[in-house]
Protein backbone atom coordinates (compact mmCIF):
# COMPACT_ATOMS: atom_id res chain seq x y z
CA MET A 1 7.46 -11.67 -12.15
CA SER A 2 7.68 -13.45 -15.52
CA GLU A 3 5.73 -16.63 -16.25
CA ASN A 4 8.92 -18.73 -16.26
CA LYS A 5 10.01 -17.37 -12.89
CA LEU A 6 6.54 -17.99 -11.48
CA ILE A 7 6.53 -21.60 -12.70
CA LYS A 8 10.02 -22.13 -11.25
CA TYR A 9 8.91 -20.71 -7.91
CA LEU A 10 5.79 -22.87 -7.79
CA ARG A 11 7.90 -26.00 -8.32
CA LYS A 12 9.80 -25.38 -5.09
CA GLU A 13 8.90 -27.56 -2.12
CA PHE A 14 6.64 -25.74 0.31
CA LYS A 15 7.91 -25.64 3.89
CA VAL A 16 5.26 -25.22 6.57
CA PRO A 17 6.14 -22.21 8.76
CA SER A 18 6.97 -22.97 12.38
CA GLY A 19 6.13 -20.97 15.48
CA THR A 20 2.99 -19.25 16.73
CA GLN A 21 0.72 -17.44 14.29
CA HIS A 22 -0.07 -13.93 15.53
CA LEU A 23 -1.75 -12.46 12.43
CA THR A 24 -4.60 -13.66 10.25
CA PRO A 25 -3.64 -13.50 6.53
CA ILE A 26 -6.28 -11.87 4.33
CA LEU A 27 -6.29 -11.25 0.58
CA LEU A 28 -8.29 -8.33 -0.83
CA SER A 29 -8.73 -8.93 -4.54
CA ASP A 30 -11.10 -9.57 -7.43
CA SER A 31 -11.67 -12.95 -9.13
CA LYS A 32 -7.91 -13.60 -9.02
CA GLY A 33 -8.35 -14.42 -5.34
CA PHE A 34 -10.77 -17.25 -6.12
CA SER A 35 -8.33 -18.63 -8.69
CA LEU A 36 -5.58 -18.66 -6.08
CA GLN A 37 -7.86 -20.35 -3.55
CA LYS A 38 -8.42 -23.25 -5.95
CA GLN A 39 -4.66 -23.82 -6.01
CA ALA A 40 -4.30 -23.98 -2.22
CA SER A 41 -2.84 -27.41 -1.40
CA ASN A 42 -2.02 -27.30 2.32
CA PRO A 43 -3.63 -26.06 5.56
CA VAL A 44 -1.50 -22.91 5.68
CA GLU A 45 -2.56 -21.76 2.21
CA GLN A 46 -6.14 -22.83 2.85
CA SER A 47 -6.26 -20.71 6.03
CA ILE A 48 -5.92 -17.45 4.06
CA LYS A 49 -9.19 -15.55 4.27
CA LEU A 50 -10.55 -13.88 1.13
CA TRP A 51 -12.15 -10.46 0.79
CA CYS A 52 -12.73 -10.96 -2.91
CA LYS A 53 -15.40 -10.14 -5.46
CA SER A 54 -15.46 -10.91 -9.17
CA GLY A 55 -15.31 -7.86 -11.42
CA ARG A 56 -14.02 -5.56 -8.67
CA ASN A 57 -11.64 -2.81 -9.79
CA SER A 58 -9.09 -0.91 -7.68
CA ARG A 59 -11.45 1.94 -6.82
CA GLN A 60 -14.26 -0.41 -5.78
CA GLY A 61 -11.88 -2.47 -3.67
CA LEU A 62 -10.62 0.54 -1.74
CA GLU A 63 -14.15 1.85 -1.26
CA TRP A 64 -15.23 -1.52 0.15
CA LEU A 65 -12.21 -1.54 2.46
CA GLN A 66 -12.99 1.95 3.71
CA GLU A 67 -16.59 1.01 4.50
CA ASN A 68 -15.92 -2.39 6.08
CA LEU A 69 -12.45 -2.37 7.63
CA ALA A 70 -13.44 -1.34 11.17
CA THR A 71 -16.18 -3.98 11.35
CA GLN A 72 -13.99 -6.74 9.95
CA ILE A 73 -11.09 -5.94 12.31
CA GLY A 74 -13.52 -6.19 15.21
CA ARG A 75 -14.39 -9.73 14.13
CA ILE A 76 -10.93 -11.00 13.22
CA ASP A 77 -8.53 -8.95 15.42
CA ASN A 78 -4.95 -8.51 14.13
CA ILE A 79 -4.52 -9.14 10.43
CA SER A 80 -1.93 -9.21 7.69
CA LEU A 81 -3.67 -7.67 4.68
CA TYR A 82 -2.51 -8.27 1.11
CA VAL A 83 -4.04 -6.11 -1.62
CA TRP A 84 -4.01 -7.44 -5.21
CA LEU A 85 -6.22 -5.28 -7.36
CA GLY A 86 -5.98 -4.43 -11.03
CA THR A 87 -3.31 -4.52 -13.68
CA HIS A 88 -2.40 -1.02 -14.75
CA LYS A 89 -1.44 -0.12 -18.31
CA ASN A 90 -0.90 2.93 -20.51
CA PHE A 91 0.35 5.32 -17.88
CA GLU A 92 2.46 8.47 -17.84
CA LEU A 93 4.31 9.60 -14.75
CA ASN A 94 6.64 12.51 -14.05
CA LEU A 95 9.15 10.55 -11.98
CA ASP A 96 12.84 9.87 -12.13
CA LYS A 97 13.51 8.54 -15.64
CA ALA A 98 15.05 5.27 -14.42
CA ILE A 99 12.00 4.48 -12.31
CA ALA A 100 9.63 5.48 -15.11
CA ARG A 101 11.43 3.14 -17.53
CA LYS A 102 11.10 0.23 -15.11
CA LEU A 103 7.39 0.87 -14.75
CA GLU A 104 6.92 1.19 -18.50
CA ALA A 105 8.88 -1.98 -19.21
CA THR A 106 6.92 -4.18 -16.80
CA LYS A 107 3.41 -2.67 -17.10
CA ARG A 108 3.21 -3.75 -13.48
CA PRO A 109 0.52 -3.25 -10.84
CA VAL A 110 1.36 -1.34 -7.69
CA ASN A 111 2.38 -3.97 -5.14
CA VAL A 112 2.15 -2.85 -1.52
CA THR A 113 1.59 -5.17 1.45
CA TYR A 114 -0.16 -3.74 4.52
CA LYS A 115 -0.16 -5.19 8.01
CA LEU A 116 -2.52 -3.84 10.65
CA THR A 117 -1.49 -4.72 14.21
CA GLY A 118 -2.11 -3.45 17.70
CA GLY A 119 0.85 -1.08 17.35
CA GLY A 120 -0.36 0.57 14.17
CA LEU A 121 -0.09 -0.01 10.44
CA THR A 122 2.99 -1.08 8.51
CA ALA A 123 3.45 -1.29 4.75
CA LYS A 124 6.13 -2.85 2.58
CA ALA A 125 6.64 -2.47 -1.17
CA ASP A 126 9.12 -3.45 -3.84
CA THR A 127 11.50 -0.70 -4.97
CA VAL A 128 9.53 0.51 -7.99
CA SER A 129 6.12 0.44 -6.31
CA PHE A 130 7.56 2.23 -3.27
CA GLU A 131 8.93 5.03 -5.45
CA LEU A 132 5.46 5.56 -6.89
CA MET A 133 3.84 5.35 -3.46
CA LYS A 134 6.36 7.72 -1.88
CA ASN A 135 5.83 10.44 -4.43
CA ALA A 136 2.06 10.09 -4.26
CA ILE A 137 2.28 10.50 -0.46
CA ILE A 138 4.36 13.67 -0.77
CA HIS A 139 1.95 15.14 -3.30
CA TYR A 140 -1.17 14.18 -1.32
CA TYR A 141 -0.07 15.72 1.98
CA GLU A 142 1.13 18.91 0.30
CA GLN A 143 -2.34 19.33 -1.21
CA LEU A 144 -4.10 18.35 2.03
CA ASP A 145 -2.20 20.95 4.00
CA VAL A 146 -3.26 23.66 1.55
CA ASN A 147 -6.86 22.64 0.85
CA ASP A 148 -8.18 21.54 4.26
CA ARG A 149 -8.15 24.32 6.84
CA TYR A 150 -8.87 21.88 9.65
CA ILE A 151 -5.75 19.83 8.91
CA ASN A 152 -2.18 20.85 9.69
CA ILE A 153 0.72 18.85 8.24
CA LYS A 154 4.24 18.91 9.64
CA VAL A 155 6.98 17.21 7.65
CA ASP A 156 10.51 16.45 8.89
CA LYS A 157 13.22 14.95 6.70
CA ASP A 158 15.58 12.27 7.98
CA LEU A 159 19.03 12.91 6.49
CA ASP A 160 22.10 10.69 6.31
CA LYS A 161 25.69 11.84 6.89
CA LYS A 162 25.92 13.10 3.30
CA GLY A 163 22.80 15.21 3.68
CA LEU A 164 20.66 12.96 1.49
CA THR A 165 17.04 12.33 2.44
CA VAL A 166 16.56 8.74 3.64
CA GLY A 167 13.14 9.15 5.19
CA LEU A 168 10.22 11.39 6.07
CA VAL A 169 8.19 11.86 9.22
CA ILE A 170 4.75 13.29 8.46
CA ARG A 171 2.66 14.42 11.43
CA VAL A 172 -1.04 14.97 10.84
CA ILE A 173 -2.90 17.32 13.19
CA ALA A 174 -6.69 17.50 12.87
CA ASN A 175 -8.64 20.27 14.63
CA ASP A 176 -5.52 21.15 16.67
CA THR A 177 -5.27 17.57 17.96
CA PRO A 178 -2.47 15.14 16.93
CA SER A 179 -4.03 12.50 14.72
CA TYR A 180 -1.25 10.17 13.57
CA THR A 181 2.37 10.03 12.42
CA LEU A 182 3.40 8.54 9.08
CA SER A 183 7.05 7.49 8.81
CA VAL A 184 8.37 6.84 5.31
CA TYR A 185 11.60 4.80 5.19
CA TYR A 186 13.38 5.16 1.86
CA THR A 187 16.09 2.53 2.41
CA SER A 188 13.74 -0.28 3.45
CA CYS A 189 10.86 0.73 1.13
CA SER A 190 8.43 0.69 4.02
CA LEU A 191 5.92 2.78 5.95
CA LEU A 192 4.85 2.94 9.57
CA VAL A 193 1.69 4.67 10.78
CA ASN A 194 0.93 5.07 14.47
CA GLY A 195 -0.90 7.42 16.79
CA ARG A 196 -4.34 7.90 18.32
CA ASP A 197 -6.20 7.98 14.99
CA THR A 198 -4.42 5.48 12.75
CA ILE A 199 -7.78 4.41 11.36
CA ARG A 200 -8.10 7.84 9.71
CA PHE A 201 -5.05 7.08 7.58
CA PHE A 202 -6.41 3.70 6.50
CA THR A 203 -9.98 4.77 5.82
CA ILE A 204 -9.57 8.36 4.58
CA ASP A 205 -6.04 9.29 3.53
CA LEU A 206 -4.75 5.99 2.11
CA PRO A 207 -7.66 5.58 -0.36
CA GLU A 208 -7.00 9.12 -1.60
CA ILE A 209 -3.30 8.33 -2.04
CA HIS A 210 -4.25 5.25 -4.04
CA LYS A 211 -6.65 7.33 -6.12
CA THR A 212 -3.76 9.62 -7.02
CA ILE A 213 -1.73 6.64 -8.18
CA HIS A 214 -4.76 5.19 -9.97
CA LYS A 215 -5.41 8.42 -11.89
CA VAL A 216 -1.80 8.85 -12.92
CA ILE A 217 -1.48 5.27 -14.10
CA LEU A 218 -4.83 4.65 -15.71
CA ASN A 219 -5.86 8.04 -17.00
CA GLY A 220 -2.53 9.64 -17.81
CA THR A 221 -3.24 12.54 -15.46
CA LYS A 222 -0.14 14.70 -15.32
CA VAL A 223 0.27 15.13 -11.56
CA ASP A 224 3.61 16.72 -10.69
CA LEU A 225 5.10 14.00 -8.51
CA GLN A 226 8.79 14.87 -8.36
CA SER A 227 11.24 12.51 -6.65
CA GLN A 228 12.51 13.85 -3.33
C-alpha cells in the first residue's frame, strides 16, 4: 500500500463492528506494533493485544511464537493472530515471471494472516504473498517427505473442469499415525489446517516454511520453487 493510499484509508470514518466477538485479536510484530498502539483511538483498536518486541526480526519472531504459542493460547483461548515482521528487500525467486515482477516492483513483505480457532488453523494472504507461500509449501513438503523417514506425505490435487489445479490437500502422517491435513485453496488464496496434531504445523512446519521464504527473499538463495 502506497503512502497516499494509506493516508486516504486512515481518513475514512471508523465504524465500530457489531455483533459478538469470538476471537481475541493479537499482533505479533517488532517496534512497529508499539507505533500502531499509540495511534489507537477507540476501544476496539485499543483491545488488540500485542506480542511485540523492539528490534525483533522475522526469524526471532517465529522462534518466539514456536516457544510460547501453546502457553499463550491456554491463557487467551481462541485468537486471531496477525503477523507483521520485517520488510524484505534484494531478493531473487524462481517463480512465474509476472509474480516475480510484482514482488520486485513493490519490495513488499510477505503478508499472511493466521487465525487459530477450535476447529483448526486458517490463513489468508493477498495474491502475491499467497503465490510465494504456496510454492514454499510445495517445496517444503517435498523435502520433508524425502529427508525425514518418520514422516510420510500424501498430496492430492484438486482439479477444475479444465484439468487445472485449483487446490492441494496435503496429508501428514507421523510415525504411521495421521497428524494433520493442510488444504491449500488457490482461488481464495487461503489455507486450512485441521487434524489431531494441528499444533505441529504451527510450531514445527510453519516456521520452516517461513524460513524457506526468508532465505529466498533475504539471502538470494536459489531454491527451485516452480509454480504448480
